[in-house]
N, C-alpha and C. Protein backbone atom coordinates (compact mmCIF):
# COMPACT_ATOMS: atom_id res chain seq x y z
N UNK A 1 3.46 -19.58 -23.74
CA UNK A 1 4.88 -19.24 -23.62
C UNK A 1 5.01 -17.77 -23.20
N UNK A 2 5.87 -17.51 -22.25
CA UNK A 2 6.04 -16.15 -21.78
C UNK A 2 6.88 -15.34 -22.77
N UNK A 3 6.58 -14.03 -22.79
CA UNK A 3 7.29 -13.18 -23.73
C UNK A 3 8.64 -12.75 -23.21
N UNK A 4 8.89 -12.93 -21.90
CA UNK A 4 10.15 -12.50 -21.32
C UNK A 4 10.78 -13.66 -20.59
N UNK A 5 12.04 -13.93 -20.89
CA UNK A 5 12.81 -14.93 -20.16
C UNK A 5 14.00 -14.22 -19.55
N UNK A 6 14.16 -14.34 -18.22
CA UNK A 6 15.32 -13.74 -17.58
C UNK A 6 16.57 -14.42 -18.11
N UNK A 7 17.52 -13.65 -18.63
CA UNK A 7 18.71 -14.20 -19.26
C UNK A 7 19.53 -14.98 -18.24
N UNK A 8 20.05 -16.12 -18.67
CA UNK A 8 20.86 -16.95 -17.78
C UNK A 8 22.36 -16.77 -18.02
N UNK A 9 22.73 -16.05 -19.09
CA UNK A 9 24.14 -15.88 -19.39
C UNK A 9 24.83 -14.99 -18.39
N UNK A 10 24.18 -13.87 -18.02
CA UNK A 10 24.77 -12.96 -17.06
C UNK A 10 24.51 -13.45 -15.63
N UNK A 11 25.37 -13.05 -14.72
CA UNK A 11 25.20 -13.43 -13.33
C UNK A 11 23.93 -12.80 -12.77
N UNK A 12 23.05 -13.62 -12.21
CA UNK A 12 21.77 -13.13 -11.72
C UNK A 12 21.89 -12.71 -10.26
N UNK A 13 21.25 -11.59 -9.92
CA UNK A 13 21.21 -11.12 -8.55
C UNK A 13 20.00 -11.67 -7.81
N UNK A 14 19.87 -11.34 -6.54
CA UNK A 14 18.77 -11.87 -5.72
C UNK A 14 17.38 -11.44 -6.19
N UNK A 15 17.28 -10.36 -6.97
CA UNK A 15 15.95 -9.88 -7.33
C UNK A 15 15.47 -10.39 -8.68
N UNK A 16 16.27 -11.23 -9.36
CA UNK A 16 15.89 -11.68 -10.70
C UNK A 16 14.56 -12.43 -10.67
N UNK A 17 14.39 -13.31 -9.68
CA UNK A 17 13.15 -14.09 -9.59
C UNK A 17 11.96 -13.18 -9.28
N UNK A 18 12.17 -12.21 -8.38
CA UNK A 18 11.09 -11.29 -8.04
C UNK A 18 10.68 -10.45 -9.23
N UNK A 19 11.65 -10.02 -10.03
CA UNK A 19 11.33 -9.25 -11.23
C UNK A 19 10.49 -10.08 -12.19
N UNK A 20 10.84 -11.35 -12.37
CA UNK A 20 10.07 -12.21 -13.26
C UNK A 20 8.62 -12.35 -12.77
N UNK A 21 8.44 -12.43 -11.46
CA UNK A 21 7.09 -12.53 -10.90
C UNK A 21 6.32 -11.23 -11.15
N UNK A 22 6.99 -10.10 -11.00
CA UNK A 22 6.33 -8.81 -11.24
C UNK A 22 5.91 -8.68 -12.70
N UNK A 23 6.77 -9.12 -13.60
CA UNK A 23 6.43 -9.07 -15.02
C UNK A 23 5.20 -9.91 -15.32
N UNK A 24 5.03 -10.97 -14.54
CA UNK A 24 3.87 -11.84 -14.75
C UNK A 24 2.60 -11.25 -14.15
N UNK A 25 2.67 -10.80 -12.89
CA UNK A 25 1.43 -10.35 -12.23
C UNK A 25 0.95 -9.01 -12.76
N UNK A 26 1.87 -8.18 -13.29
CA UNK A 26 1.45 -6.91 -13.88
C UNK A 26 0.82 -7.09 -15.26
N UNK A 27 1.04 -8.26 -15.86
CA UNK A 27 0.53 -8.49 -17.20
C UNK A 27 -0.99 -8.71 -17.18
N UNK A 28 -1.71 -8.12 -18.13
CA UNK A 28 -3.16 -8.35 -18.20
C UNK A 28 -3.51 -9.68 -18.85
N UNK A 29 -2.50 -10.42 -19.35
CA UNK A 29 -2.74 -11.67 -20.05
C UNK A 29 -2.35 -12.86 -19.18
N UNK A 30 -3.03 -13.96 -19.36
CA UNK A 30 -2.70 -15.18 -18.64
C UNK A 30 -1.51 -15.88 -19.30
N UNK A 31 -0.56 -16.29 -18.46
CA UNK A 31 0.62 -17.04 -18.89
C UNK A 31 1.50 -16.28 -19.88
N UNK A 32 1.34 -14.98 -19.96
CA UNK A 32 2.21 -14.14 -20.81
C UNK A 32 2.70 -12.98 -19.97
N UNK A 33 4.00 -12.87 -19.81
CA UNK A 33 4.57 -11.79 -19.00
C UNK A 33 4.78 -10.53 -19.83
N UNK A 34 4.88 -9.41 -19.12
CA UNK A 34 5.23 -8.16 -19.79
C UNK A 34 6.69 -8.21 -20.23
N UNK A 35 7.00 -7.46 -21.26
CA UNK A 35 8.40 -7.27 -21.63
C UNK A 35 8.99 -6.18 -20.74
N UNK A 36 10.32 -6.04 -20.79
CA UNK A 36 10.96 -4.97 -20.03
C UNK A 36 10.40 -3.61 -20.45
N UNK A 37 10.22 -3.43 -21.74
CA UNK A 37 9.72 -2.15 -22.25
C UNK A 37 8.31 -1.88 -21.72
N UNK A 38 7.47 -2.92 -21.74
CA UNK A 38 6.10 -2.75 -21.26
C UNK A 38 6.06 -2.47 -19.75
N UNK A 39 6.94 -3.14 -19.01
CA UNK A 39 6.96 -2.91 -17.56
C UNK A 39 7.44 -1.50 -17.24
N UNK A 40 8.45 -1.02 -17.98
CA UNK A 40 8.93 0.35 -17.78
C UNK A 40 7.82 1.34 -18.08
N UNK A 41 7.05 1.08 -19.15
CA UNK A 41 5.94 1.97 -19.49
C UNK A 41 4.86 1.91 -18.43
N UNK A 42 4.63 0.75 -17.84
CA UNK A 42 3.63 0.59 -16.79
C UNK A 42 4.00 1.44 -15.56
N UNK A 43 5.29 1.43 -15.20
CA UNK A 43 5.74 2.19 -14.04
C UNK A 43 5.84 3.68 -14.35
N UNK A 44 6.22 4.01 -15.58
CA UNK A 44 6.33 5.41 -15.97
C UNK A 44 7.65 6.04 -15.57
N UNK A 45 7.85 7.29 -15.99
CA UNK A 45 9.10 8.00 -15.70
C UNK A 45 9.30 8.09 -14.19
N UNK A 46 10.58 8.01 -13.77
CA UNK A 46 11.82 8.00 -14.56
C UNK A 46 12.31 6.61 -14.94
N UNK A 47 11.52 5.57 -14.74
CA UNK A 47 11.94 4.21 -15.07
C UNK A 47 12.01 4.04 -16.58
N UNK A 48 13.11 3.44 -17.06
CA UNK A 48 13.30 3.21 -18.49
C UNK A 48 13.52 1.72 -18.75
N UNK A 49 13.36 1.31 -20.01
CA UNK A 49 13.60 -0.08 -20.39
C UNK A 49 15.03 -0.48 -20.08
N UNK A 50 15.99 0.42 -20.34
CA UNK A 50 17.40 0.11 -20.07
C UNK A 50 17.63 -0.16 -18.59
N UNK A 51 16.96 0.60 -17.73
CA UNK A 51 17.12 0.40 -16.29
C UNK A 51 16.56 -0.95 -15.87
N UNK A 52 15.38 -1.31 -16.39
CA UNK A 52 14.75 -2.59 -16.03
C UNK A 52 15.65 -3.75 -16.44
N UNK A 53 16.31 -3.65 -17.58
CA UNK A 53 17.19 -4.72 -18.06
C UNK A 53 18.36 -4.97 -17.11
N UNK A 54 18.76 -3.94 -16.37
CA UNK A 54 19.91 -4.08 -15.46
C UNK A 54 19.50 -4.64 -14.10
N UNK A 55 18.22 -4.59 -13.78
CA UNK A 55 17.78 -5.01 -12.45
C UNK A 55 18.12 -6.44 -12.08
N UNK A 56 18.02 -7.43 -13.01
CA UNK A 56 18.31 -8.81 -12.60
C UNK A 56 19.72 -9.01 -12.05
N UNK A 57 20.66 -8.14 -12.38
CA UNK A 57 22.02 -8.26 -11.87
C UNK A 57 22.24 -7.50 -10.56
N UNK A 58 21.20 -6.78 -10.10
CA UNK A 58 21.35 -5.99 -8.88
C UNK A 58 21.08 -6.83 -7.65
N UNK A 59 21.56 -6.34 -6.50
CA UNK A 59 21.30 -7.02 -5.24
C UNK A 59 19.90 -6.72 -4.72
N UNK A 60 19.38 -5.52 -5.04
CA UNK A 60 18.03 -5.18 -4.62
C UNK A 60 17.51 -4.03 -5.48
N UNK A 61 16.19 -3.88 -5.48
CA UNK A 61 15.58 -2.78 -6.21
C UNK A 61 15.96 -1.46 -5.54
N UNK A 62 16.16 -0.39 -6.31
CA UNK A 62 16.33 0.92 -5.70
C UNK A 62 15.09 1.25 -4.86
N UNK A 63 15.29 1.89 -3.71
CA UNK A 63 14.18 2.14 -2.78
C UNK A 63 13.07 2.96 -3.42
N UNK A 64 13.43 3.99 -4.22
CA UNK A 64 12.40 4.83 -4.83
C UNK A 64 11.60 4.02 -5.86
N UNK A 65 12.28 3.14 -6.59
CA UNK A 65 11.59 2.30 -7.57
C UNK A 65 10.68 1.30 -6.86
N UNK A 66 11.14 0.75 -5.74
CA UNK A 66 10.32 -0.19 -4.98
C UNK A 66 9.02 0.46 -4.53
N UNK A 67 9.10 1.69 -4.06
CA UNK A 67 7.88 2.39 -3.65
C UNK A 67 6.96 2.62 -4.84
N UNK A 68 7.54 2.94 -5.99
CA UNK A 68 6.74 3.16 -7.19
C UNK A 68 6.05 1.86 -7.62
N UNK A 69 6.76 0.75 -7.56
CA UNK A 69 6.18 -0.54 -7.92
C UNK A 69 4.99 -0.86 -7.02
N UNK A 70 5.15 -0.64 -5.71
CA UNK A 70 4.06 -0.92 -4.77
C UNK A 70 2.86 -0.02 -5.04
N UNK A 71 3.12 1.26 -5.31
CA UNK A 71 2.02 2.19 -5.59
C UNK A 71 1.25 1.79 -6.84
N UNK A 72 1.99 1.42 -7.89
CA UNK A 72 1.33 0.99 -9.14
C UNK A 72 0.55 -0.30 -8.92
N UNK A 73 1.11 -1.21 -8.12
CA UNK A 73 0.42 -2.46 -7.84
C UNK A 73 -0.89 -2.22 -7.09
N UNK A 74 -0.87 -1.27 -6.17
CA UNK A 74 -2.09 -0.94 -5.44
C UNK A 74 -3.13 -0.35 -6.38
N UNK A 75 -2.68 0.50 -7.31
CA UNK A 75 -3.61 1.06 -8.30
C UNK A 75 -4.25 -0.03 -9.14
N UNK A 76 -3.48 -1.09 -9.43
CA UNK A 76 -3.98 -2.19 -10.26
C UNK A 76 -4.76 -3.22 -9.45
N UNK A 77 -4.75 -3.08 -8.13
CA UNK A 77 -5.45 -4.05 -7.29
C UNK A 77 -4.71 -5.36 -7.13
N UNK A 78 -3.40 -5.37 -7.37
CA UNK A 78 -2.62 -6.59 -7.22
C UNK A 78 -2.45 -6.93 -5.73
N UNK A 79 -2.34 -8.20 -5.44
CA UNK A 79 -2.29 -8.67 -4.05
C UNK A 79 -0.88 -9.12 -3.70
N UNK A 80 -0.37 -8.66 -2.56
CA UNK A 80 0.91 -9.14 -2.06
C UNK A 80 2.13 -8.39 -2.53
N UNK A 81 1.95 -7.35 -3.35
CA UNK A 81 3.12 -6.56 -3.79
C UNK A 81 3.37 -5.50 -2.72
N UNK A 82 4.11 -5.87 -1.69
CA UNK A 82 4.43 -4.98 -0.59
C UNK A 82 5.89 -4.56 -0.66
N UNK A 83 6.25 -3.51 0.08
CA UNK A 83 7.66 -3.10 0.13
C UNK A 83 8.53 -4.22 0.69
N UNK A 84 8.01 -4.94 1.70
CA UNK A 84 8.78 -6.03 2.27
C UNK A 84 9.10 -7.10 1.23
N UNK A 85 8.10 -7.41 0.38
CA UNK A 85 8.35 -8.44 -0.63
C UNK A 85 9.25 -7.92 -1.74
N UNK A 86 9.00 -6.71 -2.24
CA UNK A 86 9.79 -6.17 -3.34
C UNK A 86 11.25 -6.02 -2.94
N UNK A 87 11.51 -5.52 -1.73
CA UNK A 87 12.88 -5.25 -1.31
C UNK A 87 13.59 -6.48 -0.75
N UNK A 88 12.86 -7.30 0.00
CA UNK A 88 13.52 -8.38 0.72
C UNK A 88 13.00 -9.77 0.37
N UNK A 89 11.95 -9.85 -0.44
CA UNK A 89 11.39 -11.15 -0.79
C UNK A 89 10.62 -11.79 0.34
N UNK A 90 10.19 -10.99 1.32
CA UNK A 90 9.48 -11.52 2.48
C UNK A 90 7.97 -11.40 2.29
N UNK A 91 7.24 -12.44 2.66
CA UNK A 91 5.80 -12.40 2.51
C UNK A 91 5.33 -13.38 1.44
N UNK A 92 4.03 -13.40 1.23
CA UNK A 92 3.44 -14.31 0.25
C UNK A 92 3.75 -13.85 -1.18
N UNK A 93 3.75 -14.80 -2.10
CA UNK A 93 3.99 -14.49 -3.50
C UNK A 93 2.86 -13.61 -4.03
N UNK A 94 3.20 -12.51 -4.71
CA UNK A 94 2.15 -11.63 -5.27
C UNK A 94 1.23 -12.37 -6.24
N UNK A 95 0.01 -11.91 -6.32
CA UNK A 95 -0.98 -12.51 -7.21
C UNK A 95 -1.71 -11.41 -7.96
N UNK A 96 -2.28 -11.80 -9.09
CA UNK A 96 -3.13 -10.88 -9.83
C UNK A 96 -4.43 -10.69 -9.07
N UNK A 97 -5.08 -9.55 -9.31
CA UNK A 97 -6.36 -9.29 -8.69
C UNK A 97 -7.38 -10.28 -9.23
N UNK A 98 -8.40 -10.65 -8.44
CA UNK A 98 -9.44 -11.56 -8.92
C UNK A 98 -10.08 -11.07 -10.22
N UNK A 99 -10.25 -9.76 -10.32
CA UNK A 99 -10.78 -9.17 -11.55
C UNK A 99 -9.65 -8.44 -12.23
N UNK A 100 -9.51 -8.60 -13.55
CA UNK A 100 -8.43 -7.97 -14.28
C UNK A 100 -8.70 -6.53 -14.63
N UNK A 101 -9.87 -6.01 -14.24
CA UNK A 101 -10.17 -4.60 -14.51
C UNK A 101 -9.41 -3.73 -13.54
N UNK A 102 -8.83 -2.61 -13.99
CA UNK A 102 -8.06 -1.75 -13.10
C UNK A 102 -8.93 -1.23 -11.97
N UNK A 103 -8.32 -1.10 -10.78
CA UNK A 103 -9.01 -0.53 -9.64
C UNK A 103 -8.83 0.98 -9.67
N UNK A 104 -9.92 1.69 -9.73
CA UNK A 104 -9.84 3.14 -9.87
C UNK A 104 -9.83 3.84 -8.52
N UNK A 105 -10.93 3.76 -7.78
CA UNK A 105 -11.01 4.49 -6.53
C UNK A 105 -12.15 3.91 -5.71
N UNK A 106 -12.48 4.64 -4.62
CA UNK A 106 -13.63 4.27 -3.81
C UNK A 106 -13.40 3.00 -3.03
N UNK A 107 -14.46 2.20 -2.90
CA UNK A 107 -14.42 1.02 -2.05
C UNK A 107 -13.42 0.00 -2.57
N UNK A 108 -13.35 -0.19 -3.93
CA UNK A 108 -12.43 -1.17 -4.47
C UNK A 108 -10.99 -0.79 -4.17
N UNK A 109 -10.65 0.50 -4.33
CA UNK A 109 -9.29 0.94 -4.05
C UNK A 109 -8.94 0.76 -2.59
N UNK A 110 -9.89 1.06 -1.70
CA UNK A 110 -9.65 0.90 -0.27
C UNK A 110 -9.43 -0.56 0.08
N UNK A 111 -10.23 -1.45 -0.55
CA UNK A 111 -10.09 -2.88 -0.28
C UNK A 111 -8.72 -3.38 -0.71
N UNK A 112 -8.25 -2.95 -1.89
CA UNK A 112 -6.94 -3.38 -2.38
C UNK A 112 -5.84 -2.91 -1.44
N UNK A 113 -5.93 -1.65 -0.99
CA UNK A 113 -4.92 -1.13 -0.08
C UNK A 113 -4.92 -1.90 1.23
N UNK A 114 -6.12 -2.26 1.70
CA UNK A 114 -6.23 -3.02 2.94
C UNK A 114 -5.57 -4.39 2.80
N UNK A 115 -5.78 -5.03 1.64
CA UNK A 115 -5.17 -6.33 1.41
C UNK A 115 -3.65 -6.23 1.39
N UNK A 116 -3.14 -5.13 0.82
CA UNK A 116 -1.69 -4.92 0.79
C UNK A 116 -1.15 -4.88 2.20
N UNK A 117 -1.81 -4.14 3.08
CA UNK A 117 -1.32 -3.98 4.44
C UNK A 117 -1.44 -5.29 5.21
N UNK A 118 -2.52 -6.04 4.97
CA UNK A 118 -2.68 -7.31 5.65
C UNK A 118 -1.57 -8.28 5.27
N UNK A 119 -1.21 -8.31 3.97
CA UNK A 119 -0.18 -9.23 3.50
C UNK A 119 1.20 -8.85 4.03
N UNK A 120 1.40 -7.57 4.39
CA UNK A 120 2.69 -7.13 4.91
C UNK A 120 2.80 -7.32 6.41
N UNK A 121 1.68 -7.69 7.06
CA UNK A 121 1.71 -7.88 8.50
C UNK A 121 1.60 -6.60 9.29
N UNK A 122 1.31 -5.48 8.63
CA UNK A 122 1.18 -4.20 9.31
C UNK A 122 -0.26 -4.01 9.77
N UNK A 123 -0.51 -3.12 10.73
CA UNK A 123 -1.88 -2.85 11.16
C UNK A 123 -2.73 -2.43 9.98
N UNK A 124 -3.96 -2.91 9.90
CA UNK A 124 -4.82 -2.62 8.76
C UNK A 124 -5.58 -1.32 8.90
N UNK A 125 -5.57 -0.72 10.06
CA UNK A 125 -6.27 0.54 10.25
C UNK A 125 -5.66 1.25 11.44
N UNK A 126 -5.78 2.60 11.48
CA UNK A 126 -5.25 3.33 12.63
C UNK A 126 -5.86 2.80 13.92
N UNK A 127 -5.04 2.63 14.93
CA UNK A 127 -5.49 2.12 16.20
C UNK A 127 -5.31 3.17 17.28
N UNK A 128 -6.19 3.12 18.27
CA UNK A 128 -6.21 4.16 19.29
C UNK A 128 -4.88 4.25 20.03
N UNK A 129 -4.28 3.08 20.31
CA UNK A 129 -3.04 3.07 21.08
C UNK A 129 -1.85 2.72 20.20
N UNK A 130 -1.90 3.08 18.92
CA UNK A 130 -0.83 2.71 18.00
C UNK A 130 0.50 3.31 18.43
N UNK A 131 0.46 4.48 19.07
CA UNK A 131 1.68 5.12 19.51
C UNK A 131 2.45 4.32 20.53
N UNK A 132 1.77 3.38 21.21
CA UNK A 132 2.43 2.56 22.20
C UNK A 132 3.18 1.40 21.58
N UNK A 133 3.01 1.17 20.29
CA UNK A 133 3.64 0.03 19.64
C UNK A 133 5.15 0.10 19.76
N UNK A 134 5.73 1.27 19.43
CA UNK A 134 7.18 1.42 19.52
C UNK A 134 7.66 1.27 20.95
N UNK A 135 6.89 1.82 21.90
CA UNK A 135 7.29 1.73 23.31
C UNK A 135 7.29 0.28 23.79
N UNK A 136 6.31 -0.49 23.35
CA UNK A 136 6.23 -1.90 23.76
C UNK A 136 7.41 -2.69 23.19
N UNK A 137 7.81 -2.35 21.94
CA UNK A 137 8.98 -3.02 21.35
C UNK A 137 10.22 -2.71 22.18
N UNK A 138 10.39 -1.43 22.55
CA UNK A 138 11.55 -1.03 23.34
C UNK A 138 11.57 -1.74 24.69
N UNK A 139 10.39 -1.85 25.32
CA UNK A 139 10.31 -2.52 26.61
C UNK A 139 10.67 -4.01 26.50
N UNK A 140 10.17 -4.64 25.41
CA UNK A 140 10.47 -6.06 25.23
C UNK A 140 11.95 -6.29 24.98
N UNK A 141 12.56 -5.41 24.15
CA UNK A 141 14.00 -5.54 23.89
C UNK A 141 14.81 -5.33 25.16
N UNK A 142 14.40 -4.34 25.94
CA UNK A 142 15.13 -4.07 27.18
C UNK A 142 15.05 -5.27 28.12
N UNK A 143 13.84 -5.86 28.22
CA UNK A 143 13.67 -7.01 29.11
C UNK A 143 14.52 -8.20 28.65
N UNK A 144 14.52 -8.45 27.33
CA UNK A 144 15.26 -9.61 26.81
C UNK A 144 16.76 -9.40 26.86
N UNK A 145 17.21 -8.21 26.47
CA UNK A 145 18.66 -7.97 26.37
C UNK A 145 19.29 -7.67 27.72
N UNK A 146 18.48 -7.38 28.74
CA UNK A 146 19.04 -7.06 30.05
C UNK A 146 19.53 -8.31 30.78
N UNK A 147 19.06 -9.48 30.35
CA UNK A 147 19.53 -10.72 30.98
C UNK A 147 21.01 -10.92 30.69
N UNK A 148 21.77 -11.14 31.72
CA UNK A 148 23.21 -11.29 31.56
C UNK A 148 23.72 -12.40 32.46
N UNK A 149 22.90 -13.46 32.52
CA UNK A 149 23.17 -14.55 33.46
C UNK A 149 24.54 -15.18 33.23
N UNK A 150 24.94 -15.29 31.97
CA UNK A 150 26.21 -15.95 31.66
C UNK A 150 27.25 -14.96 31.15
N UNK A 151 27.04 -13.68 31.42
CA UNK A 151 28.01 -12.68 30.99
C UNK A 151 28.09 -12.50 29.48
N UNK A 152 26.92 -12.59 28.80
CA UNK A 152 26.92 -12.54 27.34
C UNK A 152 27.53 -11.25 26.80
N UNK A 153 27.30 -10.14 27.50
CA UNK A 153 27.75 -8.86 26.95
C UNK A 153 29.27 -8.70 26.94
N UNK A 154 29.95 -9.60 27.64
CA UNK A 154 31.42 -9.56 27.58
C UNK A 154 31.93 -10.21 26.30
N UNK A 155 31.04 -10.88 25.57
CA UNK A 155 31.42 -11.54 24.32
C UNK A 155 31.37 -10.55 23.16
N UNK A 156 32.49 -10.42 22.45
CA UNK A 156 32.53 -9.52 21.29
C UNK A 156 31.57 -10.01 20.22
N UNK A 157 31.43 -11.33 20.07
CA UNK A 157 30.53 -11.89 19.07
C UNK A 157 29.08 -11.46 19.34
N UNK A 158 28.68 -11.49 20.61
CA UNK A 158 27.33 -11.07 20.96
C UNK A 158 27.14 -9.59 20.66
N UNK A 159 28.12 -8.78 21.02
CA UNK A 159 28.02 -7.34 20.78
C UNK A 159 27.89 -7.05 19.28
N UNK A 160 28.71 -7.71 18.47
CA UNK A 160 28.65 -7.52 17.02
C UNK A 160 27.28 -7.93 16.48
N UNK A 161 26.77 -9.07 16.96
CA UNK A 161 25.49 -9.58 16.47
C UNK A 161 24.36 -8.60 16.77
N UNK A 162 24.32 -8.09 17.99
CA UNK A 162 23.26 -7.16 18.39
C UNK A 162 23.33 -5.87 17.57
N UNK A 163 24.53 -5.34 17.39
CA UNK A 163 24.68 -4.09 16.65
C UNK A 163 24.25 -4.25 15.20
N UNK A 164 24.70 -5.34 14.55
CA UNK A 164 24.34 -5.56 13.15
C UNK A 164 22.85 -5.80 12.99
N UNK A 165 22.24 -6.50 13.97
CA UNK A 165 20.81 -6.74 13.90
C UNK A 165 20.02 -5.43 14.00
N UNK A 166 20.45 -4.55 14.90
CA UNK A 166 19.77 -3.26 15.04
C UNK A 166 19.97 -2.39 13.80
N UNK A 167 21.17 -2.45 13.22
CA UNK A 167 21.42 -1.68 12.00
C UNK A 167 20.54 -2.18 10.85
N UNK A 168 20.41 -3.50 10.73
CA UNK A 168 19.58 -4.06 9.67
C UNK A 168 18.12 -3.67 9.86
N UNK A 169 17.64 -3.73 11.10
CA UNK A 169 16.26 -3.31 11.39
C UNK A 169 16.07 -1.84 11.04
N UNK A 170 17.04 -1.00 11.41
CA UNK A 170 16.93 0.43 11.11
C UNK A 170 16.90 0.70 9.62
N UNK A 171 17.72 -0.02 8.85
CA UNK A 171 17.73 0.18 7.40
C UNK A 171 16.38 -0.18 6.78
N UNK A 172 15.81 -1.29 7.24
CA UNK A 172 14.53 -1.72 6.69
C UNK A 172 13.41 -0.73 7.03
N UNK A 173 13.40 -0.24 8.26
CA UNK A 173 12.36 0.71 8.65
C UNK A 173 12.57 2.06 7.97
N UNK A 174 13.84 2.42 7.72
CA UNK A 174 14.10 3.67 7.00
C UNK A 174 13.51 3.62 5.60
N UNK A 175 13.62 2.46 4.94
CA UNK A 175 13.04 2.30 3.61
C UNK A 175 11.52 2.49 3.66
N UNK A 176 10.92 2.11 4.78
CA UNK A 176 9.47 2.25 4.95
C UNK A 176 9.08 3.62 5.47
N UNK A 177 10.03 4.58 5.39
CA UNK A 177 9.79 5.99 5.73
C UNK A 177 9.73 6.26 7.23
N UNK A 178 10.38 5.42 8.05
CA UNK A 178 10.59 5.77 9.44
C UNK A 178 11.92 6.52 9.53
N UNK A 179 11.97 7.56 10.35
CA UNK A 179 13.23 8.28 10.57
C UNK A 179 14.01 7.53 11.64
N UNK A 180 15.03 6.80 11.22
CA UNK A 180 15.79 5.96 12.14
C UNK A 180 17.12 6.59 12.53
N UNK A 181 17.19 7.93 12.47
CA UNK A 181 18.45 8.63 12.74
C UNK A 181 19.03 8.33 14.11
N UNK A 182 18.19 8.29 15.14
CA UNK A 182 18.70 8.05 16.48
C UNK A 182 19.26 6.63 16.62
N UNK A 183 18.61 5.68 15.97
CA UNK A 183 19.10 4.30 16.03
C UNK A 183 20.44 4.18 15.33
N UNK A 184 20.59 4.87 14.19
CA UNK A 184 21.88 4.83 13.49
C UNK A 184 22.97 5.49 14.33
N UNK A 185 22.65 6.60 15.01
CA UNK A 185 23.64 7.25 15.87
C UNK A 185 24.08 6.31 16.98
N UNK A 186 23.10 5.64 17.60
CA UNK A 186 23.41 4.74 18.71
C UNK A 186 24.28 3.59 18.26
N UNK A 187 23.90 2.94 17.16
CA UNK A 187 24.66 1.77 16.71
C UNK A 187 26.03 2.17 16.17
N UNK A 188 26.13 3.36 15.57
CA UNK A 188 27.45 3.83 15.13
C UNK A 188 28.37 4.06 16.32
N UNK A 189 27.80 4.61 17.39
CA UNK A 189 28.59 4.85 18.59
C UNK A 189 29.08 3.54 19.19
N UNK A 190 28.19 2.55 19.28
CA UNK A 190 28.58 1.24 19.80
C UNK A 190 29.61 0.58 18.88
N UNK A 191 29.39 0.68 17.57
CA UNK A 191 30.29 0.03 16.62
C UNK A 191 31.72 0.54 16.79
N UNK A 192 31.85 1.85 16.98
CA UNK A 192 33.18 2.42 17.15
C UNK A 192 33.90 1.90 18.38
N UNK A 193 33.12 1.56 19.41
CA UNK A 193 33.73 1.10 20.66
C UNK A 193 34.16 -0.36 20.60
N UNK A 194 33.50 -1.16 19.73
CA UNK A 194 33.82 -2.60 19.68
C UNK A 194 34.59 -2.97 18.42
N UNK A 195 35.04 -1.96 17.67
CA UNK A 195 35.91 -2.24 16.53
C UNK A 195 35.21 -2.53 15.23
N UNK A 196 33.90 -2.26 15.13
CA UNK A 196 33.19 -2.44 13.86
C UNK A 196 33.34 -1.19 13.00
N UNK A 197 33.23 -1.32 11.67
CA UNK A 197 33.33 -0.14 10.81
C UNK A 197 32.19 0.83 11.08
N UNK A 198 32.50 2.12 11.00
CA UNK A 198 31.51 3.17 11.26
C UNK A 198 31.41 4.03 10.01
N UNK A 199 30.19 4.29 9.56
CA UNK A 199 29.99 5.11 8.37
C UNK A 199 30.40 6.56 8.64
N UNK A 200 30.93 7.25 7.63
CA UNK A 200 31.27 8.66 7.80
C UNK A 200 30.01 9.48 8.05
N UNK A 201 30.12 10.64 8.69
CA UNK A 201 28.94 11.49 8.92
C UNK A 201 28.25 11.83 7.62
N UNK A 202 26.91 11.82 7.65
CA UNK A 202 26.06 12.17 6.51
C UNK A 202 26.26 11.23 5.32
N UNK A 203 26.88 10.07 5.51
CA UNK A 203 27.10 9.14 4.41
C UNK A 203 25.83 8.37 4.13
N UNK A 204 25.72 7.86 2.91
CA UNK A 204 24.57 7.03 2.55
C UNK A 204 25.07 5.88 1.73
N UNK A 205 24.25 4.82 1.68
CA UNK A 205 24.62 3.62 0.94
C UNK A 205 24.43 3.83 -0.55
N UNK A 206 25.01 2.96 -1.40
CA UNK A 206 24.83 3.07 -2.85
C UNK A 206 23.38 2.97 -3.26
N UNK A 207 22.53 2.35 -2.44
CA UNK A 207 21.14 2.20 -2.79
C UNK A 207 20.31 3.40 -2.36
N UNK A 208 20.95 4.41 -1.77
CA UNK A 208 20.21 5.61 -1.40
C UNK A 208 19.72 5.63 0.02
N UNK A 209 20.25 4.74 0.90
CA UNK A 209 19.78 4.72 2.28
C UNK A 209 20.94 4.73 3.24
N UNK A 210 20.68 4.96 4.50
CA UNK A 210 21.74 4.97 5.51
C UNK A 210 22.38 3.61 5.63
N UNK A 211 23.64 3.61 6.09
CA UNK A 211 24.34 2.35 6.32
C UNK A 211 23.96 1.81 7.69
């Protein structure tokens, strides 16, 4: 029997299930999850038990806490605890390390970090032409979006869809420590022209990131 049951009385947010999984995989015991207090202690300051108790009602983990969770998971050698999974639920379900002994450093630590990157779909090692990755994405987008055979760009629905998609991509990459300022400027400029809401200058979202 698990020591923690996510309460069903209060309205649950999208991250309630992910939190329950984290409580399980961070636990050193089989079939016994950590309590909120134990998980807060595992993450360390500034995370508190009171804060963890509020997370199931949130729409997403705070970005700084998500990074801390991923860092602690890498230290423990846990598999699949990536920023993409913690923030958006994307990727394979996290698992405990094959060995329950903490990963300290050296080859074991490097292997755990490599597994984290593989599970997130990111390059596993620096590549000689990695700088071309962004350029290739831009070229592909330009090629695909330049087609206007049926006058798609005259459609307000298409314009709204493209702008919101780019904004969502920019927000996700910003969380991963990419500076997406130029993309936000561009989409804000487009949004103002097609009647979409535009964030005030220097504004940030309640979760600590750009809109």
